[in-house]
């Protein structure tokens, strides 16, 4: 699975909106939207860790 697919699946599993994840991680909603778009950007290692550690 790609990062985009994993992120979408986790958001769905957690029943969380992108804006909620943005608040919890401190990552801008625009950046998170870029990870979820058709041709997604790759997250920095720092952002990937922030997302992974979000409860």
C-alpha atoms as a PDB file:
ATOM      1  CA  UNK A   1       0.000   0.000   0.000  1.00  0.00           C
ATOM      2  CA  UNK A   2       1.119   3.521  -0.693  1.00  0.00           C
ATOM      3  CA  UNK A   3       1.321   6.229   1.963  1.00  0.00           C
ATOM      4  CA  UNK A   4      -1.790   7.817   0.453  1.00  0.00           C
ATOM      5  CA  UNK A   5      -3.767   4.577   0.712  1.00  0.00           C
ATOM      6  CA  UNK A   6      -2.556   3.944   4.268  1.00  0.00           C
ATOM      7  CA  UNK A   7      -3.445   7.473   5.337  1.00  0.00           C
ATOM      8  CA  UNK A   8      -6.926   7.246   3.811  1.00  0.00           C
ATOM      9  CA  UNK A   9      -7.511   3.877   5.475  1.00  0.00           C
ATOM     10  CA  UNK A  10      -6.352   5.141   8.862  1.00  0.00           C
ATOM     11  CA  UNK A  11      -8.479   8.280   8.653  1.00  0.00           C
ATOM     12  CA  UNK A  12     -11.472   6.086   7.863  1.00  0.00           C
ATOM     13  CA  UNK A  13     -10.642   3.600  10.632  1.00  0.00           C
ATOM     14  CA  UNK A  14     -10.228   6.398  13.181  1.00  0.00           C
ATOM     15  CA  UNK A  15     -13.348   8.149  11.809  1.00  0.00           C
ATOM     16  CA  UNK A  16     -11.228  11.305  11.637  1.00  0.00           C
ATOM     17  CA  UNK A  17     -11.387  14.252   9.267  1.00  0.00           C
ATOM     18  CA  UNK A  18      -8.297  15.722   7.634  1.00  0.00           C
ATOM     19  CA  UNK A  19      -8.802  18.960   9.566  1.00  0.00           C
ATOM     20  CA  UNK A  20      -8.822  17.017  12.854  1.00  0.00           C
ATOM     21  CA  UNK A  21      -5.566  15.309  11.916  1.00  0.00           C
ATOM     22  CA  UNK A  22      -4.101  18.702  11.034  1.00  0.00           C
ATOM     23  CA  UNK A  23      -4.917  20.029  14.504  1.00  0.00           C
ATOM     24  CA  UNK A  24      -3.561  16.940  16.274  1.00  0.00           C
ATOM     25  CA  UNK A  25      -0.300  16.828  14.307  1.00  0.00           C
ATOM     26  CA  UNK A  26       0.381  20.500  13.671  1.00  0.00           C
ATOM     27  CA  UNK A  27       0.670  19.710   9.949  1.00  0.00           C
ATOM     28  CA  UNK A  28      -1.278  22.104   7.740  1.00  0.00           C
ATOM     29  CA  UNK A  29      -4.460  20.848   6.141  1.00  0.00           C
ATOM     30  CA  UNK A  30      -3.093  21.837   2.737  1.00  0.00           C
ATOM     31  CA  UNK A  31      -0.047  19.614   3.270  1.00  0.00           C
ATOM     32  CA  UNK A  32      -2.221  16.692   4.351  1.00  0.00           C
ATOM     33  CA  UNK A  33      -4.469  17.252   1.330  1.00  0.00           C
ATOM     34  CA  UNK A  34      -1.358  17.057  -0.859  1.00  0.00           C
ATOM     35  CA  UNK A  35      -0.640  13.593   0.579  1.00  0.00           C
ATOM     36  CA  UNK A  36      -4.168  12.497  -0.357  1.00  0.00           C
ATOM     37  CA  UNK A  37      -4.543  13.946  -3.860  1.00  0.00           C
ATOM     38  CA  UNK A  38      -4.450  12.070  -7.183  1.00  0.00           C
ATOM     39  CA  UNK A  39      -0.671  12.458  -7.609  1.00  0.00           C
ATOM     40  CA  UNK A  40       0.347  12.658  -3.952  1.00  0.00           C
ATOM     41  CA  UNK A  41       3.422  14.315  -2.565  1.00  0.00           C
ATOM     42  CA  UNK A  42       5.613  12.197  -0.318  1.00  0.00           C
ATOM     43  CA  UNK A  43       5.685  13.275   3.314  1.00  0.00           C
ATOM     44  CA  UNK A  44       8.870  14.295   5.025  1.00  0.00           C
ATOM     45  CA  UNK A  45      10.141  11.812   7.577  1.00  0.00           C
ATOM     46  CA  UNK A  46       9.186  14.249  10.330  1.00  0.00           C
ATOM     47  CA  UNK A  47       5.589  14.528   9.106  1.00  0.00           C
ATOM     48  CA  UNK A  48       5.292  10.776   8.594  1.00  0.00           C
ATOM     49  CA  UNK A  49       6.346  10.234  12.224  1.00  0.00           C
ATOM     50  CA  UNK A  50       3.893  12.882  13.482  1.00  0.00           C
ATOM     51  CA  UNK A  51       1.069  11.164  11.627  1.00  0.00           C
ATOM     52  CA  UNK A  52       2.115   7.702  12.782  1.00  0.00           C
ATOM     53  CA  UNK A  53       2.238   8.771  16.428  1.00  0.00           C
ATOM     54  CA  UNK A  54      -1.157  10.492  16.412  1.00  0.00           C
ATOM     55  CA  UNK A  55      -3.613   8.680  18.675  1.00  0.00           C
END
